[in-house]
Amino acid sequence: MRIRTPFAIAFLALCLLAAYLGFSNFHPPVNDKFLHFITFLILTVCFYWVVDTSRRRVVNFTLGVCTLTGGVGSEFVQSVVSSREFDPLDIVSNLIGSALGLLLCAWYHRRMLERRRLAKSYQSISTAEDVEFDQEAEELHDIEAGHPPDPVVEEEDRRNKD
């Protein structure tokens, strides 16, 4: 399991920004529930790519950390530490935003892995030049193995080329 440093730094910076906005008395001109939704969507998408491991582990880890602990726990901490009131609809907004972010990342991750798997098994389509090269290579192999070329086939080949 490897940590992707750029995503980890971005996640920590976003967490600090979200904590500042959550604990301050700053009231943006945007609907509070929409702000919770967008914040947890972005945090979850960023956190999903921090740990480089199997898709199943990342989904479970992100679900536990961002969706459950972050989405629910942040509201309890916010109600204890700051003067803001506890609002269950904020938890719902957090959970919906985090769940949507997790679904988007899981879908994209599965698609990315499928494309990588297809690229590994990709075989190029042979062209006419490849077929001619293969025939020449087969004739050389036959000559080296002690099988002389068939004079009738060579005569037909010469006529076809002219």
C-alpha atoms as a PDB file:
ATOM      1  CA  MET A   1       0.000   0.000   0.000  1.00  0.00           C
ATOM      2  CA  ARG A   2       1.484   3.274  -1.166  1.00  0.00           C
ATOM      3  CA  ILE A   3       0.485   6.870  -0.386  1.00  0.00           C
ATOM      4  CA  ARG A   4       0.149   9.277  -3.303  1.00  0.00           C
ATOM      5  CA  THR A   5       1.742  12.415  -1.893  1.00  0.00           C
ATOM      6  CA  PRO A   6       0.083  15.076  -4.114  1.00  0.00           C
ATOM      7  CA  PHE A   7      -3.390  13.767  -3.285  1.00  0.00           C
ATOM      8  CA  ALA A   8      -2.523  13.504   0.416  1.00  0.00           C
ATOM      9  CA  ILE A   9      -1.317  17.119   0.508  1.00  0.00           C
ATOM     10  CA  ALA A  10      -4.392  18.303  -1.375  1.00  0.00           C
ATOM     11  CA  PHE A  11      -6.669  16.351   0.970  1.00  0.00           C
ATOM     12  CA  LEU A  12      -5.027  17.836   4.065  1.00  0.00           C
ATOM     13  CA  ALA A  13      -5.262  21.356   2.634  1.00  0.00           C
ATOM     14  CA  LEU A  14      -8.935  20.843   1.792  1.00  0.00           C
ATOM     15  CA  CYS A  15      -9.581  19.446   5.293  1.00  0.00           C
ATOM     16  CA  LEU A  16      -8.003  22.525   6.852  1.00  0.00           C
ATOM     17  CA  LEU A  17     -10.087  24.807   4.652  1.00  0.00           C
ATOM     18  CA  ALA A  18     -13.274  22.871   5.452  1.00  0.00           C
ATOM     19  CA  ALA A  19     -12.463  22.962   9.187  1.00  0.00           C
ATOM     20  CA  TYR A  20     -11.860  26.697   9.044  1.00  0.00           C
ATOM     21  CA  LEU A  21     -15.191  27.261   7.294  1.00  0.00           C
ATOM     22  CA  GLY A  22     -16.960  24.862   9.646  1.00  0.00           C
ATOM     23  CA  PHE A  23     -15.696  26.391  12.900  1.00  0.00           C
ATOM     24  CA  SER A  24     -15.785  30.053  11.906  1.00  0.00           C
ATOM     25  CA  ASN A  25     -18.808  32.304  11.939  1.00  0.00           C
ATOM     26  CA  PHE A  26     -18.376  32.974   8.230  1.00  0.00           C
ATOM     27  CA  HIS A  27     -21.683  32.591   6.353  1.00  0.00           C
ATOM     28  CA  PRO A  28     -21.204  32.318   2.573  1.00  0.00           C
ATOM     29  CA  PRO A  29     -24.039  33.471   0.296  1.00  0.00           C
ATOM     30  CA  VAL A  30     -24.584  29.832  -0.777  1.00  0.00           C
ATOM     31  CA  ASN A  31     -27.142  27.449   0.699  1.00  0.00           C
ATOM     32  CA  ASP A  32     -25.579  25.684   3.710  1.00  0.00           C
ATOM     33  CA  LYS A  33     -26.741  22.204   2.638  1.00  0.00           C
ATOM     34  CA  PHE A  34     -25.325  22.668  -0.875  1.00  0.00           C
ATOM     35  CA  LEU A  35     -22.007  23.752   0.641  1.00  0.00           C
ATOM     36  CA  HIS A  36     -21.896  20.607   2.810  1.00  0.00           C
ATOM     37  CA  PHE A  37     -22.737  18.466  -0.235  1.00  0.00           C
ATOM     38  CA  ILE A  38     -20.002  19.995  -2.432  1.00  0.00           C
ATOM     39  CA  THR A  39     -17.408  19.981   0.354  1.00  0.00           C
ATOM     40  CA  PHE A  40     -17.801  16.287   1.096  1.00  0.00           C
ATOM     41  CA  LEU A  41     -18.008  15.371  -2.573  1.00  0.00           C
ATOM     42  CA  ILE A  42     -14.641  17.067  -3.186  1.00  0.00           C
ATOM     43  CA  LEU A  43     -13.061  15.683   0.006  1.00  0.00           C
ATOM     44  CA  THR A  44     -14.150  12.144  -0.826  1.00  0.00           C
ATOM     45  CA  VAL A  45     -12.914  12.327  -4.421  1.00  0.00           C
ATOM     46  CA  CYS A  46      -9.557  13.624  -3.227  1.00  0.00           C
ATOM     47  CA  PHE A  47      -9.255  11.071  -0.405  1.00  0.00           C
ATOM     48  CA  TYR A  48     -10.144   8.156  -2.717  1.00  0.00           C
ATOM     49  CA  TRP A  49      -6.920   8.629  -4.681  1.00  0.00           C
ATOM     50  CA  VAL A  50      -4.615   9.072  -1.645  1.00  0.00           C
ATOM     51  CA  VAL A  51      -4.067   5.352  -1.006  1.00  0.00           C
ATOM     52  CA  ASP A  52      -2.766   3.210  -3.862  1.00  0.00           C
ATOM     53  CA  THR A  53      -4.129  -0.280  -3.242  1.00  0.00           C
ATOM     54  CA  SER A  54      -6.861  -2.558  -4.598  1.00  0.00           C
ATOM     55  CA  ARG A  55     -10.158  -1.019  -5.608  1.00  0.00           C
ATOM     56  CA  ARG A  56     -12.102  -2.904  -2.960  1.00  0.00           C
ATOM     57  CA  ARG A  57      -9.836  -1.728  -0.148  1.00  0.00           C
ATOM     58  CA  VAL A  58      -9.908   1.868  -1.328  1.00  0.00           C
ATOM     59  CA  VAL A  59     -13.708   1.874  -1.529  1.00  0.00           C
ATOM     60  CA  ASN A  60     -14.056   0.395   1.976  1.00  0.00           C
ATOM     61  CA  PHE A  61     -11.416   2.688   3.454  1.00  0.00           C
ATOM     62  CA  THR A  62     -12.922   5.792   1.861  1.00  0.00           C
ATOM     63  CA  LEU A  63     -16.409   4.750   2.944  1.00  0.00           C
ATOM     64  CA  GLY A  64     -15.250   4.424   6.535  1.00  0.00           C
ATOM     65  CA  VAL A  65     -13.083   7.520   6.737  1.00  0.00           C
ATOM     66  CA  CYS A  66     -14.889  10.112   4.614  1.00  0.00           C
ATOM     67  CA  THR A  67     -18.489   9.021   4.515  1.00  0.00           C
ATOM     68  CA  LEU A  68     -19.048   7.704   8.023  1.00  0.00           C
ATOM     69  CA  THR A  69     -16.373   9.301  10.191  1.00  0.00           C
ATOM     70  CA  GLY A  70     -16.094  12.581   8.312  1.00  0.00           C
ATOM     71  CA  GLY A  71     -19.727  13.009   7.326  1.00  0.00           C
ATOM     72  CA  VAL A  72     -21.227  12.153  10.705  1.00  0.00           C
ATOM     73  CA  GLY A  73     -18.366  12.898  13.096  1.00  0.00           C
ATOM     74  CA  SER A  74     -17.677  16.367  11.744  1.00  0.00           C
ATOM     75  CA  GLU A  75     -21.157  17.546  12.712  1.00  0.00           C
ATOM     76  CA  PHE A  76     -20.774  16.274  16.281  1.00  0.00           C
ATOM     77  CA  VAL A  77     -17.351  17.912  16.625  1.00  0.00           C
ATOM     78  CA  GLN A  78     -18.675  21.127  15.106  1.00  0.00           C
ATOM     79  CA  SER A  79     -21.597  21.266  17.556  1.00  0.00           C
ATOM     80  CA  VAL A  80     -19.269  20.709  20.561  1.00  0.00           C
ATOM     81  CA  VAL A  81     -16.390  23.009  19.568  1.00  0.00           C
ATOM     82  CA  SER A  82     -18.154  25.927  17.883  1.00  0.00           C
ATOM     83  CA  SER A  83     -21.278  27.887  18.632  1.00  0.00           C
ATOM     84  CA  ARG A  84     -23.141  26.334  15.689  1.00  0.00           C
ATOM     85  CA  GLU A  85     -26.174  24.166  16.342  1.00  0.00           C
ATOM     86  CA  PHE A  86     -26.354  20.475  15.501  1.00  0.00           C
ATOM     87  CA  ASP A  87     -28.320  19.955  12.280  1.00  0.00           C
ATOM     88  CA  PRO A  88     -29.210  16.412  11.112  1.00  0.00           C
ATOM     89  CA  LEU A  89     -29.816  17.724   7.568  1.00  0.00           C
ATOM     90  CA  ASP A  90     -26.151  18.716   7.415  1.00  0.00           C
ATOM     91  CA  ILE A  91     -25.274  15.068   8.079  1.00  0.00           C
ATOM     92  CA  VAL A  92     -27.610  13.995   5.274  1.00  0.00           C
ATOM     93  CA  SER A  93     -25.975  16.494   2.897  1.00  0.00           C
ATOM     94  CA  ASN A  94     -22.519  15.272   3.933  1.00  0.00           C
ATOM     95  CA  LEU A  95     -23.467  11.628   3.392  1.00  0.00           C
ATOM     96  CA  ILE A  96     -25.078  12.237   0.006  1.00  0.00           C
ATOM     97  CA  GLY A  97     -22.115  14.283  -1.248  1.00  0.00           C
ATOM     98  CA  SER A  98     -19.603  11.751   0.021  1.00  0.00           C
ATOM     99  CA  ALA A  99     -21.558   8.796  -1.377  1.00  0.00           C
ATOM    100  CA  LEU A 100     -21.803  10.442  -4.790  1.00  0.00           C
ATOM    101  CA  GLY A 101     -18.067  11.196  -4.793  1.00  0.00           C
ATOM    102  CA  LEU A 102     -17.333   7.600  -3.820  1.00  0.00           C
ATOM    103  CA  LEU A 103     -19.588   6.221  -6.556  1.00  0.00           C
ATOM    104  CA  LEU A 104     -17.989   8.446  -9.195  1.00  0.00           C
ATOM    105  CA  CYS A 105     -14.473   7.427  -8.152  1.00  0.00           C
ATOM    106  CA  ALA A 106     -15.327   3.716  -7.955  1.00  0.00           C
ATOM    107  CA  TRP A 107     -16.934   3.853 -11.407  1.00  0.00           C
ATOM    108  CA  TYR A 108     -13.958   5.669 -12.923  1.00  0.00           C
ATOM    109  CA  HIS A 109     -11.459   3.378 -11.171  1.00  0.00           C
ATOM    110  CA  ARG A 110     -13.227   0.259 -12.493  1.00  0.00           C
ATOM    111  CA  ARG A 111     -13.289   1.781 -15.992  1.00  0.00           C
ATOM    112  CA  MET A 112      -9.606   2.689 -15.751  1.00  0.00           C
ATOM    113  CA  LEU A 113      -8.663  -0.855 -14.671  1.00  0.00           C
ATOM    114  CA  GLU A 114     -10.776  -2.371 -17.461  1.00  0.00           C
ATOM    115  CA  ARG A 115      -9.090  -0.178 -20.074  1.00  0.00           C
ATOM    116  CA  ARG A 116      -5.675  -1.137 -18.694  1.00  0.00           C
ATOM    117  CA  ARG A 117      -6.623  -4.831 -18.821  1.00  0.00           C
ATOM    118  CA  LEU A 118      -7.795  -4.502 -22.435  1.00  0.00           C
ATOM    119  CA  ALA A 119      -4.615  -2.660 -23.406  1.00  0.00           C
ATOM    120  CA  LYS A 120      -2.515  -5.537 -22.055  1.00  0.00           C
ATOM    121  CA  SER A 121      -4.325  -8.115 -24.166  1.00  0.00           C
ATOM    122  CA  TYR A 122      -4.457  -5.931 -27.289  1.00  0.00           C
ATOM    123  CA  GLN A 123      -3.184  -7.613 -30.464  1.00  0.00           C
ATOM    124  CA  SER A 124      -2.596  -5.546 -33.566  1.00  0.00           C
ATOM    125  CA  ILE A 125      -4.376  -6.479 -36.770  1.00  0.00           C
ATOM    126  CA  SER A 126      -1.985  -7.843 -39.351  1.00  0.00           C
ATOM    127  CA  THR A 127      -1.635  -5.946 -42.599  1.00  0.00           C
ATOM    128  CA  ALA A 128      -0.839  -7.243 -46.066  1.00  0.00           C
ATOM    129  CA  GLU A 129       2.846  -6.456 -45.494  1.00  0.00           C
ATOM    130  CA  ASP A 130       2.832  -8.552 -42.319  1.00  0.00           C
ATOM    131  CA  VAL A 131       1.281 -11.470 -44.203  1.00  0.00           C
ATOM    132  CA  GLU A 132       3.925 -11.244 -46.971  1.00  0.00           C
ATOM    133  CA  PHE A 133       6.685 -11.046 -44.366  1.00  0.00           C
ATOM    134  CA  ASP A 134       5.256 -14.086 -42.576  1.00  0.00           C
ATOM    135  CA  GLN A 135       5.152 -16.051 -45.849  1.00  0.00           C
ATOM    136  CA  GLU A 136       8.772 -15.125 -46.631  1.00  0.00           C
ATOM    137  CA  ALA A 137       9.841 -16.068 -43.125  1.00  0.00           C
ATOM    138  CA  GLU A 138       8.040 -19.399 -43.453  1.00  0.00           C
ATOM    139  CA  GLU A 139       9.778 -20.095 -46.796  1.00  0.00           C
ATOM    140  CA  LEU A 140      13.187 -19.284 -45.285  1.00  0.00           C
ATOM    141  CA  HIS A 141      12.436 -21.553 -42.353  1.00  0.00           C
ATOM    142  CA  ASP A 142      11.496 -24.366 -44.759  1.00  0.00           C
ATOM    143  CA  ILE A 143      14.729 -23.879 -46.733  1.00  0.00           C
ATOM    144  CA  GLU A 144      16.807 -23.905 -43.546  1.00  0.00           C
ATOM    145  CA  ALA A 145      15.015 -27.045 -42.394  1.00  0.00           C
ATOM    146  CA  GLY A 146      16.024 -28.795 -45.629  1.00  0.00           C
ATOM    147  CA  HIS A 147      12.730 -28.526 -47.476  1.00  0.00           C
ATOM    148  CA  PRO A 148      13.349 -26.988 -50.922  1.00  0.00           C
ATOM    149  CA  PRO A 149      10.753 -24.552 -52.234  1.00  0.00           C
ATOM    150  CA  ASP A 150       8.108 -25.909 -54.583  1.00  0.00           C
ATOM    151  CA  PRO A 151       9.013 -24.779 -58.165  1.00  0.00           C
ATOM    152  CA  VAL A 152       5.354 -24.736 -59.273  1.00  0.00           C
ATOM    153  CA  VAL A 153       4.395 -22.303 -56.487  1.00  0.00           C
ATOM    154  CA  GLU A 154       7.410 -20.092 -57.245  1.00  0.00           C
ATOM    155  CA  GLU A 155       6.458 -19.939 -60.950  1.00  0.00           C
ATOM    156  CA  GLU A 156       2.875 -18.905 -60.065  1.00  0.00           C
ATOM    157  CA  ASP A 157       4.190 -16.264 -57.655  1.00  0.00           C
ATOM    158  CA  ARG A 158       6.457 -14.834 -60.348  1.00  0.00           C
ATOM    159  CA  ARG A 159       3.568 -14.623 -62.852  1.00  0.00           C
ATOM    160  CA  ASN A 160       1.294 -12.949 -60.289  1.00  0.00           C
ATOM    161  CA  LYS A 161       3.924 -10.276 -59.561  1.00  0.00           C
ATOM    162  CA  ASP A 162       4.339  -9.423 -63.263  1.00  0.00           C
END
